[in-house]
Amino acid sequence: MKVIDTKNAPGAIGPYSQGFITNGLVFTSGQIPVNPANGEVPEGITAQTEQSCKNVAAILEAAGSGMDKVVKTTCFLADIADFAAFNEVYAKYFTSKPARSCFAVRDLPKGVLCEIECIAEA
């Protein structure tokens, strides 16, 4: 197994890594919409989805993979009413239409509106 660590995505805020490469697959930790350059979280579901997708892309790039190699995502929304707006941005990044689960959850770290994790080919 190889740990993924990049400055182009937010660092872990707990006892975990940004991701791992093992057996030809990349597993990312959930990415919340924190801008790695300044630690800020943008306002609104559209901007937050955009930042979460950029963070996932940065981890995949650091692993030598890419968004086109994603086979499965798991998405978490603080409010299921944001589902349509989330999907609009998500579709621009995950163009291969990977398998996906999407859940509304009670709360997310730092009070953000969305979180995305994925599994991709290395």
PDB file of N, CA and C in Angstrom:
ATOM      1  N   MET A   1       0.838  -1.182   0.000  1.00  0.00           N
ATOM      2  CA  MET A   1       0.000   0.000   0.000  1.00  0.00           C
ATOM      3  C   MET A   1       0.877   1.236   0.000  1.00  0.00           C
ATOM      4  N   LYS A   2       0.383   2.261  -0.680  1.00  0.00           N
ATOM      5  CA  LYS A   2       1.113   3.524  -0.739  1.00  0.00           C
ATOM      6  C   LYS A   2       0.177   4.647  -0.302  1.00  0.00           C
ATOM      7  N   VAL A   3       0.638   5.479   0.620  1.00  0.00           N
ATOM      8  CA  VAL A   3      -0.133   6.624   1.101  1.00  0.00           C
ATOM      9  C   VAL A   3      -0.068   7.749   0.071  1.00  0.00           C
ATOM     10  N   ILE A   4      -1.206   8.394  -0.152  1.00  0.00           N
ATOM     11  CA  ILE A   4      -1.255   9.570  -1.026  1.00  0.00           C
ATOM     12  C   ILE A   4      -1.201  10.804  -0.142  1.00  0.00           C
ATOM     13  N   ASP A   5      -0.319  11.740  -0.500  1.00  0.00           N
ATOM     14  CA  ASP A   5      -0.194  12.981   0.250  1.00  0.00           C
ATOM     15  C   ASP A   5       0.127  14.094  -0.728  1.00  0.00           C
ATOM     16  N   THR A   6      -0.765  15.079  -0.825  1.00  0.00           N
ATOM     17  CA  THR A   6      -0.532  16.208  -1.713  1.00  0.00           C
ATOM     18  C   THR A   6      -0.925  17.512  -1.033  1.00  0.00           C
ATOM     19  N   LYS A   7      -0.201  18.564  -1.320  1.00  0.00           N
ATOM     20  CA  LYS A   7      -0.526  19.895  -0.803  1.00  0.00           C
ATOM     21  C   LYS A   7      -1.644  20.541  -1.622  1.00  0.00           C
ATOM     22  N   ASN A   8      -2.023  19.902  -2.738  1.00  0.00           N
ATOM     23  CA  ASN A   8      -3.060  20.453  -3.614  1.00  0.00           C
ATOM     24  C   ASN A   8      -4.474  20.094  -3.181  1.00  0.00           C
ATOM     25  N   ALA A   9      -4.586  19.410  -2.055  1.00  0.00           N
ATOM     26  CA  ALA A   9      -5.867  19.091  -1.433  1.00  0.00           C
ATOM     27  C   ALA A   9      -5.704  19.317   0.063  1.00  0.00           C
ATOM     28  N   PRO A  10      -6.801  19.551   0.766  1.00  0.00           N
ATOM     29  CA  PRO A  10      -6.673  19.785   2.210  1.00  0.00           C
ATOM     30  C   PRO A  10      -6.056  18.591   2.927  1.00  0.00           C
ATOM     31  N   GLY A  11      -5.254  18.881   3.923  1.00  0.00           N
ATOM     32  CA  GLY A  11      -4.689  17.825   4.743  1.00  0.00           C
ATOM     33  C   GLY A  11      -5.767  17.199   5.609  1.00  0.00           C
ATOM     34  N   ALA A  12      -5.526  16.002   6.061  1.00  0.00           N
ATOM     35  CA  ALA A  12      -6.470  15.310   6.927  1.00  0.00           C
ATOM     36  C   ALA A  12      -6.656  16.097   8.223  1.00  0.00           C
ATOM     37  N   ILE A  13      -7.890  16.167   8.691  1.00  0.00           N
ATOM     38  CA  ILE A  13      -8.168  16.877   9.952  1.00  0.00           C
ATOM     39  C   ILE A  13      -8.363  15.899  11.105  1.00  0.00           C
ATOM     40  N   GLY A  14      -7.914  14.674  10.900  1.00  0.00           N
ATOM     41  CA  GLY A  14      -8.014  13.638  11.922  1.00  0.00           C
ATOM     42  C   GLY A  14      -6.963  12.573  11.671  1.00  0.00           C
ATOM     43  N   PRO A  15      -7.090  11.438  12.337  1.00  0.00           N
ATOM     44  CA  PRO A  15      -6.097  10.365  12.205  1.00  0.00           C
ATOM     45  C   PRO A  15      -6.335   9.490  10.970  1.00  0.00           C
ATOM     46  N   TYR A  16      -6.202  10.088   9.798  1.00  0.00           N
ATOM     47  CA  TYR A  16      -6.373   9.370   8.535  1.00  0.00           C
ATOM     48  C   TYR A  16      -5.548  10.063   7.457  1.00  0.00           C
ATOM     49  N   SER A  17      -5.437   9.435   6.295  1.00  0.00           N
ATOM     50  CA  SER A  17      -4.673  10.014   5.189  1.00  0.00           C
ATOM     51  C   SER A  17      -5.632  10.488   4.094  1.00  0.00           C
ATOM     52  N   GLN A  18      -5.092  11.234   3.135  1.00  0.00           N
ATOM     53  CA  GLN A  18      -5.911  11.698   2.009  1.00  0.00           C
ATOM     54  C   GLN A  18      -6.363  10.529   1.140  1.00  0.00           C
ATOM     55  N   GLY A  19      -5.564   9.478   1.119  1.00  0.00           N
ATOM     56  CA  GLY A  19      -5.939   8.320   0.337  1.00  0.00           C
ATOM     57  C   GLY A  19      -4.854   7.270   0.323  1.00  0.00           C
ATOM     58  N   PHE A  20      -5.160   6.147  -0.320  1.00  0.00           N
ATOM     59  CA  PHE A  20      -4.239   5.032  -0.464  1.00  0.00           C
ATOM     60  C   PHE A  20      -4.320   4.465  -1.871  1.00  0.00           C
ATOM     61  N   ILE A  21      -3.195   3.933  -2.323  1.00  0.00           N
ATOM     62  CA  ILE A  21      -3.152   3.144  -3.551  1.00  0.00           C
ATOM     63  C   ILE A  21      -2.842   1.715  -3.129  1.00  0.00           C
ATOM     64  N   THR A  22      -3.671   0.776  -3.562  1.00  0.00           N
ATOM     65  CA  THR A  22      -3.438  -0.633  -3.260  1.00  0.00           C
ATOM     66  C   THR A  22      -4.099  -1.503  -4.323  1.00  0.00           C
ATOM     67  N   ASN A  23      -3.416  -2.547  -4.716  1.00  0.00           N
ATOM     68  CA  ASN A  23      -3.952  -3.516  -5.682  1.00  0.00           C
ATOM     69  C   ASN A  23      -4.539  -2.866  -6.934  1.00  0.00           C
ATOM     70  N   GLY A  24      -3.863  -1.837  -7.439  1.00  0.00           N
ATOM     71  CA  GLY A  24      -4.296  -1.196  -8.678  1.00  0.00           C
ATOM     72  C   GLY A  24      -5.463  -0.242  -8.536  1.00  0.00           C
ATOM     73  N   LEU A  25      -5.845   0.062  -7.292  1.00  0.00           N
ATOM     74  CA  LEU A  25      -6.959   0.979  -7.053  1.00  0.00           C
ATOM     75  C   LEU A  25      -6.527   2.130  -6.149  1.00  0.00           C
ATOM     76  N   VAL A  26      -7.202   3.260  -6.321  1.00  0.00           N
ATOM     77  CA  VAL A  26      -7.003   4.428  -5.472  1.00  0.00           C
ATOM     78  C   VAL A  26      -8.266   4.606  -4.628  1.00  0.00           C
ATOM     79  N   PHE A  27      -8.078   4.745  -3.328  1.00  0.00           N
ATOM     80  CA  PHE A  27      -9.182   5.001  -2.407  1.00  0.00           C
ATOM     81  C   PHE A  27      -8.943   6.371  -1.790  1.00  0.00           C
ATOM     82  N   THR A  28      -9.856   7.311  -2.008  1.00  0.00           N
ATOM     83  CA  THR A  28      -9.682   8.625  -1.394  1.00  0.00           C
ATOM     84  C   THR A  28     -10.512   8.714  -0.125  1.00  0.00           C
ATOM     85  N   SER A  29     -10.039   9.510   0.803  1.00  0.00           N
ATOM     86  CA  SER A  29     -10.857   9.873   1.948  1.00  0.00           C
ATOM     87  C   SER A  29     -11.899  10.872   1.462  1.00  0.00           C
ATOM     88  N   GLY A  30     -12.939  11.047   2.237  1.00  0.00           N
ATOM     89  CA  GLY A  30     -13.961  12.029   1.881  1.00  0.00           C
ATOM     90  C   GLY A  30     -13.363  13.417   1.808  1.00  0.00           C
ATOM     91  N   GLN A  31     -13.726  14.135   0.759  1.00  0.00           N
ATOM     92  CA  GLN A  31     -13.202  15.480   0.564  1.00  0.00           C
ATOM     93  C   GLN A  31     -14.295  16.513   0.774  1.00  0.00           C
ATOM     94  N   ILE A  32     -14.090  17.326   1.800  1.00  0.00           N
ATOM     95  CA  ILE A  32     -14.995  18.434   2.043  1.00  0.00           C
ATOM     96  C   ILE A  32     -14.465  19.648   1.281  1.00  0.00           C
ATOM     97  N   PRO A  33     -15.280  20.675   1.109  1.00  0.00           N
ATOM     98  CA  PRO A  33     -14.908  21.803   0.260  1.00  0.00           C
ATOM     99  C   PRO A  33     -14.010  22.852   0.914  1.00  0.00           C
ATOM    100  N   VAL A  34     -12.879  22.409   1.414  1.00  0.00           N
ATOM    101  CA  VAL A  34     -11.906  23.334   1.988  1.00  0.00           C
ATOM    102  C   VAL A  34     -10.877  23.661   0.913  1.00  0.00           C
ATOM    103  N   ASN A  35     -10.661  24.948   0.680  1.00  0.00           N
ATOM    104  CA  ASN A  35      -9.642  25.378  -0.277  1.00  0.00           C
ATOM    105  C   ASN A  35      -8.273  25.121   0.357  1.00  0.00           C
ATOM    106  N   PRO A  36      -7.431  24.285  -0.271  1.00  0.00           N
ATOM    107  CA  PRO A  36      -6.145  23.954   0.351  1.00  0.00           C
ATOM    108  C   PRO A  36      -5.177  25.137   0.414  1.00  0.00           C
ATOM    109  N   ALA A  37      -5.399  26.151  -0.399  1.00  0.00           N
ATOM    110  CA  ALA A  37      -4.494  27.305  -0.420  1.00  0.00           C
ATOM    111  C   ALA A  37      -4.692  28.215   0.789  1.00  0.00           C
ATOM    112  N   ASN A  38      -5.957  28.345   1.240  1.00  0.00           N
ATOM    113  CA  ASN A  38      -6.202  29.297   2.320  1.00  0.00           C
ATOM    114  C   ASN A  38      -7.065  28.749   3.463  1.00  0.00           C
ATOM    115  N   GLY A  39      -7.519  27.508   3.347  1.00  0.00           N
ATOM    116  CA  GLY A  39      -8.310  26.893   4.403  1.00  0.00           C
ATOM    117  C   GLY A  39      -9.752  27.353   4.467  1.00  0.00           C
ATOM    118  N   GLU A  40     -10.170  28.160   3.498  1.00  0.00           N
ATOM    119  CA  GLU A  40     -11.529  28.689   3.516  1.00  0.00           C
ATOM    120  C   GLU A  40     -12.523  27.735   2.854  1.00  0.00           C
ATOM    121  N   VAL A  41     -13.771  27.838   3.258  1.00  0.00           N
ATOM    122  CA  VAL A  41     -14.873  27.068   2.689  1.00  0.00           C
ATOM    123  C   VAL A  41     -15.760  28.060   1.941  1.00  0.00           C
ATOM    124  N   PRO A  42     -16.013  27.824   0.653  1.00  0.00           N
ATOM    125  CA  PRO A  42     -16.875  28.745  -0.100  1.00  0.00           C
ATOM    126  C   PRO A  42     -18.329  28.651   0.360  1.00  0.00           C
ATOM    127  N   GLU A  43     -19.116  29.635  -0.008  1.00  0.00           N
ATOM    128  CA  GLU A  43     -20.538  29.675   0.354  1.00  0.00           C
ATOM    129  C   GLU A  43     -21.382  28.960  -0.693  1.00  0.00           C
ATOM    130  N   GLY A  44     -22.397  28.247  -0.257  1.00  0.00           N
ATOM    131  CA  GLY A  44     -23.387  27.662  -1.148  1.00  0.00           C
ATOM    132  C   GLY A  44     -23.013  26.295  -1.696  1.00  0.00           C
ATOM    133  N   ILE A  45     -24.030  25.523  -2.043  1.00  0.00           N
ATOM    134  CA  ILE A  45     -23.812  24.150  -2.507  1.00  0.00           C
ATOM    135  C   ILE A  45     -23.063  24.092  -3.835  1.00  0.00           C
ATOM    136  N   THR A  46     -23.310  25.018  -4.742  1.00  0.00           N
ATOM    137  CA  THR A  46     -22.625  24.980  -6.040  1.00  0.00           C
ATOM    138  C   THR A  46     -21.123  25.161  -5.871  1.00  0.00           C
ATOM    139  N   ALA A  47     -20.720  26.189  -5.160  1.00  0.00           N
ATOM    140  CA  ALA A  47     -19.289  26.454  -4.942  1.00  0.00           C
ATOM    141  C   ALA A  47     -18.649  25.360  -4.086  1.00  0.00           C
ATOM    142  N   GLN A  48     -19.376  24.840  -3.121  1.00  0.00           N
ATOM    143  CA  GLN A  48     -18.818  23.792  -2.269  1.00  0.00           C
ATOM    144  C   GLN A  48     -18.642  22.487  -3.039  1.00  0.00           C
ATOM    145  N   THR A  49     -19.586  22.157  -3.900  1.00  0.00           N
ATOM    146  CA  THR A  49     -19.437  20.949  -4.715  1.00  0.00           C
ATOM    147  C   THR A  49     -18.234  21.085  -5.636  1.00  0.00           C
ATOM    148  N   GLU A  50     -18.092  22.253  -6.237  1.00  0.00           N
ATOM    149  CA  GLU A  50     -16.953  22.532  -7.111  1.00  0.00           C
ATOM    150  C   GLU A  50     -15.636  22.301  -6.374  1.00  0.00           C
ATOM    151  N   GLN A  51     -15.514  22.826  -5.164  1.00  0.00           N
ATOM    152  CA  GLN A  51     -14.269  22.687  -4.404  1.00  0.00           C
ATOM    153  C   GLN A  51     -14.037  21.242  -3.987  1.00  0.00           C
ATOM    154  N   SER A  52     -15.079  20.536  -3.567  1.00  0.00           N
ATOM    155  CA  SER A  52     -14.913  19.127  -3.203  1.00  0.00           C
ATOM    156  C   SER A  52     -14.426  18.317  -4.397  1.00  0.00           C
ATOM    157  N   CYS A  53     -14.990  18.586  -5.579  1.00  0.00           N
ATOM    158  CA  CYS A  53     -14.561  17.882  -6.794  1.00  0.00           C
ATOM    159  C   CYS A  53     -13.106  18.196  -7.126  1.00  0.00           C
ATOM    160  N   LYS A  54     -12.703  19.453  -6.977  1.00  0.00           N
ATOM    161  CA  LYS A  54     -11.307  19.833  -7.228  1.00  0.00           C
ATOM    162  C   LYS A  54     -10.371  19.113  -6.255  1.00  0.00           C
ATOM    163  N   ASN A  55     -10.792  18.961  -5.008  1.00  0.00           N
ATOM    164  CA  ASN A  55      -9.967  18.282  -4.017  1.00  0.00           C
ATOM    165  C   ASN A  55      -9.810  16.801  -4.352  1.00  0.00           C
ATOM    166  N   VAL A  56     -10.901  16.153  -4.773  1.00  0.00           N
ATOM    167  CA  VAL A  56     -10.830  14.752  -5.198  1.00  0.00           C
ATOM    168  C   VAL A  56      -9.878  14.632  -6.392  1.00  0.00           C
ATOM    169  N   ALA A  57     -10.018  15.527  -7.363  1.00  0.00           N
ATOM    170  CA  ALA A  57      -9.171  15.496  -8.563  1.00  0.00           C
ATOM    171  C   ALA A  57      -7.696  15.642  -8.205  1.00  0.00           C
ATOM    172  N   ALA A  58      -7.380  16.497  -7.253  1.00  0.00           N
ATOM    173  CA  ALA A  58      -5.984  16.710  -6.840  1.00  0.00           C
ATOM    174  C   ALA A  58      -5.391  15.444  -6.215  1.00  0.00           C
ATOM    175  N   ILE A  59      -6.167  14.747  -5.415  1.00  0.00           N
ATOM    176  CA  ILE A  59      -5.681  13.511  -4.796  1.00  0.00           C
ATOM    177  C   ILE A  59      -5.481  12.435  -5.854  1.00  0.00           C
ATOM    178  N   LEU A  60      -6.433  12.319  -6.772  1.00  0.00           N
ATOM    179  CA  LEU A  60      -6.288  11.338  -7.853  1.00  0.00           C
ATOM    180  C   LEU A  60      -5.064  11.642  -8.708  1.00  0.00           C
ATOM    181  N   GLU A  61      -4.842  12.911  -9.011  1.00  0.00           N
ATOM    182  CA  GLU A  61      -3.671  13.300  -9.804  1.00  0.00           C
ATOM    183  C   GLU A  61      -2.386  12.935  -9.071  1.00  0.00           C
ATOM    184  N   ALA A  62      -2.344  13.184  -7.772  1.00  0.00           N
ATOM    185  CA  ALA A  62      -1.158  12.842  -6.974  1.00  0.00           C
ATOM    186  C   ALA A  62      -0.909  11.338  -6.976  1.00  0.00           C
ATOM    187  N   ALA A  63      -1.975  10.572  -7.160  1.00  0.00           N
ATOM    188  CA  ALA A  63      -1.870   9.106  -7.188  1.00  0.00           C
ATOM    189  C   ALA A  63      -1.570   8.573  -8.586  1.00  0.00           C
ATOM    190  N   GLY A  64      -1.477   9.474  -9.579  1.00  0.00           N
ATOM    191  CA  GLY A  64      -1.239   9.049 -10.954  1.00  0.00           C
ATOM    192  C   GLY A  64      -2.499   8.570 -11.642  1.00  0.00           C
ATOM    193  N   SER A  65      -3.637   8.941 -11.110  1.00  0.00           N
ATOM    194  CA  SER A  65      -4.928   8.544 -11.665  1.00  0.00           C
ATOM    195  C   SER A  65      -5.637   9.797 -12.176  1.00  0.00           C
ATOM    196  N   GLY A  66      -6.940   9.730 -12.317  1.00  0.00           N
ATOM    197  CA  GLY A  66      -7.690  10.887 -12.775  1.00  0.00           C
ATOM    198  C   GLY A  66      -9.178  10.665 -12.645  1.00  0.00           C
ATOM    199  N   MET A  67      -9.924  11.720 -12.837  1.00  0.00           N
ATOM    200  CA  MET A  67     -11.376  11.655 -12.708  1.00  0.00           C
ATOM    201  C   MET A  67     -12.000  10.671 -13.701  1.00  0.00           C
ATOM    202  N   ASP A  68     -11.356  10.491 -14.839  1.00  0.00           N
ATOM    203  CA  ASP A  68     -11.881   9.567 -15.854  1.00  0.00           C
ATOM    204  C   ASP A  68     -11.705   8.104 -15.455  1.00  0.00           C
ATOM    205  N   LYS A  69     -10.961   7.850 -14.390  1.00  0.00           N
ATOM    206  CA  LYS A  69     -10.716   6.476 -13.940  1.00  0.00           C
ATOM    207  C   LYS A  69     -11.519   6.121 -12.687  1.00  0.00           C
ATOM    208  N   VAL A  70     -12.401   7.010 -12.268  1.00  0.00           N
ATOM    209  CA  VAL A  70     -13.214   6.758 -11.080  1.00  0.00           C
ATOM    210  C   VAL A  70     -14.276   5.711 -11.406  1.00  0.00           C
ATOM    211  N   VAL A  71     -14.376   4.707 -10.534  1.00  0.00           N
ATOM    212  CA  VAL A  71     -15.371   3.648 -10.738  1.00  0.00           C
ATOM    213  C   VAL A  71     -16.526   3.737  -9.741  1.00  0.00           C
ATOM    214  N   LYS A  72     -16.321   4.422  -8.605  1.00  0.00           N
ATOM    215  CA  LYS A  72     -17.366   4.514  -7.584  1.00  0.00           C
ATOM    216  C   LYS A  72     -17.153   5.752  -6.744  1.00  0.00           C
ATOM    217  N   THR A  73     -18.235   6.470  -6.481  1.00  0.00           N
ATOM    218  CA  THR A  73     -18.181   7.585  -5.540  1.00  0.00           C
ATOM    219  C   THR A  73     -19.210   7.367  -4.445  1.00  0.00           C
ATOM    220  N   THR A  74     -18.929   7.954  -3.310  1.00  0.00           N
ATOM    221  CA  THR A  74     -19.904   8.046  -2.234  1.00  0.00           C
ATOM    222  C   THR A  74     -19.993   9.522  -1.882  1.00  0.00           C
ATOM    223  N   CYS A  75     -21.210  10.034  -1.914  1.00  0.00           N
ATOM    224  CA  CYS A  75     -21.434  11.462  -1.707  1.00  0.00           C
ATOM    225  C   CYS A  75     -22.349  11.675  -0.507  1.00  0.00           C
ATOM    226  N   PHE A  76     -22.052  12.706   0.245  1.00  0.00           N
ATOM    227  CA  PHE A  76     -22.811  13.034   1.443  1.00  0.00           C
ATOM    228  C   PHE A  76     -23.293  14.469   1.329  1.00  0.00           C
ATOM    229  N   LEU A  77     -24.576  14.680   1.552  1.00  0.00           N
ATOM    230  CA  LEU A  77     -25.173  16.014   1.510  1.00  0.00           C
ATOM    231  C   LEU A  77     -25.770  16.355   2.866  1.00  0.00           C
ATOM    232  N   ALA A  78     -25.578  17.580   3.296  1.00  0.00           N
ATOM    233  CA  ALA A  78     -26.178  18.022   4.552  1.00  0.00           C
ATOM    234  C   ALA A  78     -27.684  18.224   4.387  1.00  0.00           C
ATOM    235  N   ASP A  79     -28.115  18.453   3.134  1.00  0.00           N
ATOM    236  CA  ASP A  79     -29.536  18.680   2.859  1.00  0.00           C
ATOM    237  C   ASP A  79     -29.880  18.054   1.514  1.00  0.00           C
ATOM    238  N   ILE A  80     -30.765  17.082   1.499  1.00  0.00           N
ATOM    239  CA  ILE A  80     -31.126  16.400   0.251  1.00  0.00           C
ATOM    240  C   ILE A  80     -31.786  17.366  -0.735  1.00  0.00           C
ATOM    241  N   ALA A  81     -32.267  18.496  -0.275  1.00  0.00           N
ATOM    242  CA  ALA A  81     -32.828  19.511  -1.164  1.00  0.00           C
ATOM    243  C   ALA A  81     -31.760  20.077  -2.098  1.00  0.00           C
ATOM    244  N   ASP A  82     -30.481  19.875  -1.772  1.00  0.00           N
ATOM    245  CA  ASP A  82     -29.370  20.342  -2.618  1.00  0.00           C
ATOM    246  C   ASP A  82     -29.010  19.331  -3.707  1.00  0.00           C
ATOM    247  N   PHE A  83     -29.738  18.220  -3.774  1.00  0.00           N
ATOM    248  CA  PHE A  83     -29.409  17.123  -4.692  1.00  0.00           C
ATOM    249  C   PHE A  83     -29.264  17.581  -6.146  1.00  0.00           C
ATOM    250  N   ALA A  84     -30.208  18.332  -6.670  1.00  0.00           N
ATOM    251  CA  ALA A  84     -30.170  18.765  -8.079  1.00  0.00           C
ATOM    252  C   ALA A  84     -28.989  19.696  -8.339  1.00  0.00           C
ATOM    253  N   ALA A  85     -28.757  20.663  -7.473  1.00  0.00           N
ATOM    254  CA  ALA A  85     -27.637  21.597  -7.653  1.00  0.00           C
ATOM    255  C   ALA A  85     -26.300  20.866  -7.537  1.00  0.00           C
ATOM    256  N   PHE A  86     -26.212  19.943  -6.597  1.00  0.00           N
ATOM    257  CA  PHE A  86     -25.009  19.124  -6.436  1.00  0.00           C
ATOM    258  C   PHE A  86     -24.742  18.334  -7.717  1.00  0.00           C
ATOM    259  N   ASN A  87     -25.771  17.679  -8.239  1.00  0.00           N
ATOM    260  CA  ASN A  87     -25.627  16.866  -9.450  1.00  0.00           C
ATOM    261  C   ASN A  87     -25.162  17.676 -10.653  1.00  0.00           C
ATOM    262  N   GLU A  88     -25.626  18.896 -10.759  1.00  0.00           N
ATOM    263  CA  GLU A  88     -25.244  19.745 -11.892  1.00  0.00           C
ATOM    264  C   GLU A  88     -23.734  19.965 -11.936  1.00  0.00           C
ATOM    265  N   VAL A  89     -23.131  20.238 -10.800  1.00  0.00           N
ATOM    266  CA  VAL A  89     -21.677  20.437 -10.737  1.00  0.00           C
ATOM    267  C   VAL A  89     -20.955  19.094 -10.833  1.00  0.00           C
ATOM    268  N   TYR A  90     -21.409  18.110 -10.090  1.00  0.00           N
ATOM    269  CA  TYR A  90     -20.813  16.772 -10.068  1.00  0.00           C
ATOM    270  C   TYR A  90     -20.671  16.214 -11.484  1.00  0.00           C
ATOM    271  N   ALA A  91     -21.701  16.381 -12.301  1.00  0.00           N
ATOM    272  CA  ALA A  91     -21.708  15.838 -13.671  1.00  0.00           C
ATOM    273  C   ALA A  91     -20.601  16.422 -14.545  1.00  0.00           C
ATOM    274  N   LYS A  92     -20.164  17.644 -14.255  1.00  0.00           N
ATOM    275  CA  LYS A  92     -19.072  18.266 -15.030  1.00  0.00           C
ATOM    276  C   LYS A  92     -17.728  17.614 -14.738  1.00  0.00           C
ATOM    277  N   TYR A  93     -17.573  17.043 -13.561  1.00  0.00           N
ATOM    278  CA  TYR A  93     -16.307  16.440 -13.152  1.00  0.00           C
ATOM    279  C   TYR A  93     -16.274  14.920 -13.367  1.00  0.00           C
ATOM    280  N   PHE A  94     -17.353  14.257 -13.051  1.00  0.00           N
ATOM    281  CA  PHE A  94     -17.414  12.795 -13.153  1.00  0.00           C
ATOM    282  C   PHE A  94     -18.123  12.416 -14.452  1.00  0.00           C
ATOM    283  N   THR A  95     -17.470  12.735 -15.556  1.00  0.00           N
ATOM    284  CA  THR A  95     -18.088  12.577 -16.883  1.00  0.00           C
ATOM    285  C   THR A  95     -18.240  11.117 -17.302  1.00  0.00           C
ATOM    286  N   SER A  96     -17.495  10.208 -16.677  1.00  0.00           N
ATOM    287  CA  SER A  96     -17.620   8.786 -17.030  1.00  0.00           C
ATOM    288  C   SER A  96     -18.818   8.136 -16.327  1.00  0.00           C
ATOM    289  N   LYS A  97     -19.527   8.914 -15.504  1.00  0.00           N
ATOM    290  CA  LYS A  97     -20.709   8.441 -14.781  1.00  0.00           C
ATOM    291  C   LYS A  97     -20.434   7.178 -13.953  1.00  0.00           C
ATOM    292  N   PRO A  98     -19.502   7.288 -12.988  1.00  0.00           N
ATOM    293  CA  PRO A  98     -19.189   6.117 -12.157  1.00  0.00           C
ATOM    294  C   PRO A  98     -20.389   5.711 -11.299  1.00  0.00           C
ATOM    295  N   ALA A  99     -20.338   4.486 -10.791  1.00  0.00           N
ATOM    296  CA  ALA A  99     -21.341   4.050  -9.826  1.00  0.00           C
ATOM    297  C   ALA A  99     -21.297   5.021  -8.645  1.00  0.00           C
ATOM    298  N   ARG A 100     -22.453   5.204  -7.997  1.00  0.00           N
ATOM    299  CA  ARG A 100     -22.491   6.212  -6.934  1.00  0.00           C
ATOM    300  C   ARG A 100     -23.554   5.884  -5.905  1.00  0.00           C
ATOM    301  N   SER A 101     -23.255   6.238  -4.671  1.00  0.00           N
ATOM    302  CA  SER A 101     -24.238   6.287  -3.598  1.00  0.00           C
ATOM    303  C   SER A 101     -24.244   7.725  -3.105  1.00  0.00           C
ATOM    304  N   CYS A 102     -25.418   8.245  -2.797  1.00  0.00           N
ATOM    305  CA  CYS A 102     -25.527   9.619  -2.302  1.00  0.00           C
ATOM    306  C   CYS A 102     -26.502   9.623  -1.133  1.00  0.00           C
ATOM    307  N   PHE A 103     -26.063  10.181  -0.023  1.00  0.00           N
ATOM    308  CA  PHE A 103     -26.850  10.173   1.206  1.00  0.00           C
ATOM    309  C   PHE A 103     -27.014  11.576   1.764  1.00  0.00           C
ATOM    310  N   ALA A 104     -28.146  11.834   2.347  1.00  0.00           N
ATOM    311  CA  ALA A 104     -28.307  13.025   3.179  1.00  0.00           C
ATOM    312  C   ALA A 104     -27.924  12.599   4.584  1.00  0.00           C
ATOM    313  N   VAL A 105     -27.099  13.393   5.220  1.00  0.00           N
ATOM    314  CA  VAL A 105     -26.626  13.076   6.569  1.00  0.00           C
ATOM    315  C   VAL A 105     -26.981  14.233   7.509  1.00  0.00           C
ATOM    316  N   ARG A 106     -26.926  13.955   8.758  1.00  0.00           N
ATOM    317  CA  ARG A 106     -27.319  14.970   9.733  1.00  0.00           C
ATOM    318  C   ARG A 106     -26.358  16.158   9.775  1.00  0.00           C
ATOM    319  N   ASP A 107     -25.066  15.875   9.667  1.00  0.00           N
ATOM    320  CA  ASP A 107     -24.065  16.942   9.773  1.00  0.00           C
ATOM    321  C   ASP A 107     -22.780  16.467   9.126  1.00  0.00           C
ATOM    322  N   LEU A 108     -21.962  17.412   8.684  1.00  0.00           N
ATOM    323  CA  LEU A 108     -20.656  17.118   8.085  1.00  0.00           C
ATOM    324  C   LEU A 108     -19.598  17.956   8.793  1.00  0.00           C
ATOM    325  N   PRO A 109     -18.321  17.526   8.736  1.00  0.00           N
ATOM    326  CA  PRO A 109     -17.264  18.300   9.395  1.00  0.00           C
ATOM    327  C   PRO A 109     -17.251  19.760   8.954  1.00  0.00           C
ATOM    328  N   LYS A 110     -16.972  20.630   9.880  1.00  0.00           N
ATOM    329  CA  LYS A 110     -16.864  22.073   9.650  1.00  0.00           C
ATOM    330  C   LYS A 110     -18.169  22.695   9.157  1.00  0.00           C
ATOM    331  N   GLY A 111     -19.273  21.959   9.295  1.00  0.00           N
ATOM    332  CA  GLY A 111     -20.562  22.497   8.888  1.00  0.00           C
ATOM    333  C   GLY A 111     -20.742  22.652   7.389  1.00  0.00           C
ATOM    334  N   VAL A 112     -19.945  21.908   6.601  1.00  0.00           N
ATOM    335  CA  VAL A 112     -20.032  22.029   5.143  1.00  0.00           C
ATOM    336  C   VAL A 112     -21.308  21.366   4.619  1.00  0.00           C
ATOM    337  N   LEU A 113     -21.594  21.599   3.353  1.00  0.00           N
ATOM    338  CA  LEU A 113     -22.826  21.113   2.736  1.00  0.00           C
ATOM    339  C   LEU A 113     -22.666  19.799   1.987  1.00  0.00           C
ATOM    340  N   CYS A 114     -21.409  19.427   1.636  1.00  0.00           N
ATOM    341  CA  CYS A 114     -21.197  18.195   0.890  1.00  0.00           C
ATOM    342  C   CYS A 114     -19.814  17.604   1.172  1.00  0.00           C
ATOM    343  N   GLU A 115     -19.695  16.316   0.860  1.00  0.00           N
ATOM    344  CA  GLU A 115     -18.432  15.589   0.980  1.00  0.00           C
ATOM    345  C   GLU A 115     -18.451  14.498  -0.080  1.00  0.00           C
ATOM    346  N   ILE A 116     -17.298  14.265  -0.722  1.00  0.00           N
ATOM    347  CA  ILE A 116     -17.204  13.255  -1.784  1.00  0.00           C
ATOM    348  C   ILE A 116     -15.967  12.387  -1.557  1.00  0.00           C
ATOM    349  N   GLU A 117     -16.148  11.064  -1.642  1.00  0.00           N
ATOM    350  CA  GLU A 117     -15.025  10.130  -1.628  1.00  0.00           C
ATOM    351  C   GLU A 117     -15.148   9.252  -2.862  1.00  0.00           C
ATOM    352  N   CYS A 118     -14.035   8.633  -3.267  1.00  0.00           N
ATOM    353  CA  CYS A 118     -14.124   7.795  -4.455  1.00  0.00           C
ATOM    354  C   CYS A 118     -13.124   6.648  -4.450  1.00  0.00           C
ATOM    355  N   ILE A 119     -13.388   5.730  -5.360  1.00  0.00           N
ATOM    356  CA  ILE A 119     -12.504   4.630  -5.683  1.00  0.00           C
ATOM    357  C   ILE A 119     -12.227   4.744  -7.174  1.00  0.00           C
ATOM    358  N   ALA A 120     -10.951   4.664  -7.555  1.00  0.00           N
ATOM    359  CA  ALA A 120     -10.566   4.802  -8.965  1.00  0.00           C
ATOM    360  C   ALA A 120      -9.498   3.789  -9.324  1.00  0.00           C
ATOM    361  N   GLU A 121      -9.352   3.542 -10.615  1.00  0.00           N
ATOM    362  CA  GLU A 121      -8.216   2.740 -11.082  1.00  0.00           C
ATOM    363  C   GLU A 121      -6.959   3.578 -10.912  1.00  0.00           C
ATOM    364  N   ALA A 122      -5.877   2.929 -10.527  1.00  0.00           N
ATOM    365  CA  ALA A 122      -4.609   3.640 -10.338  1.00  0.00           C
ATOM    366  C   ALA A 122      -3.973   3.957 -11.689  1.00  0.00           C
TER     367      ALA A 122
END
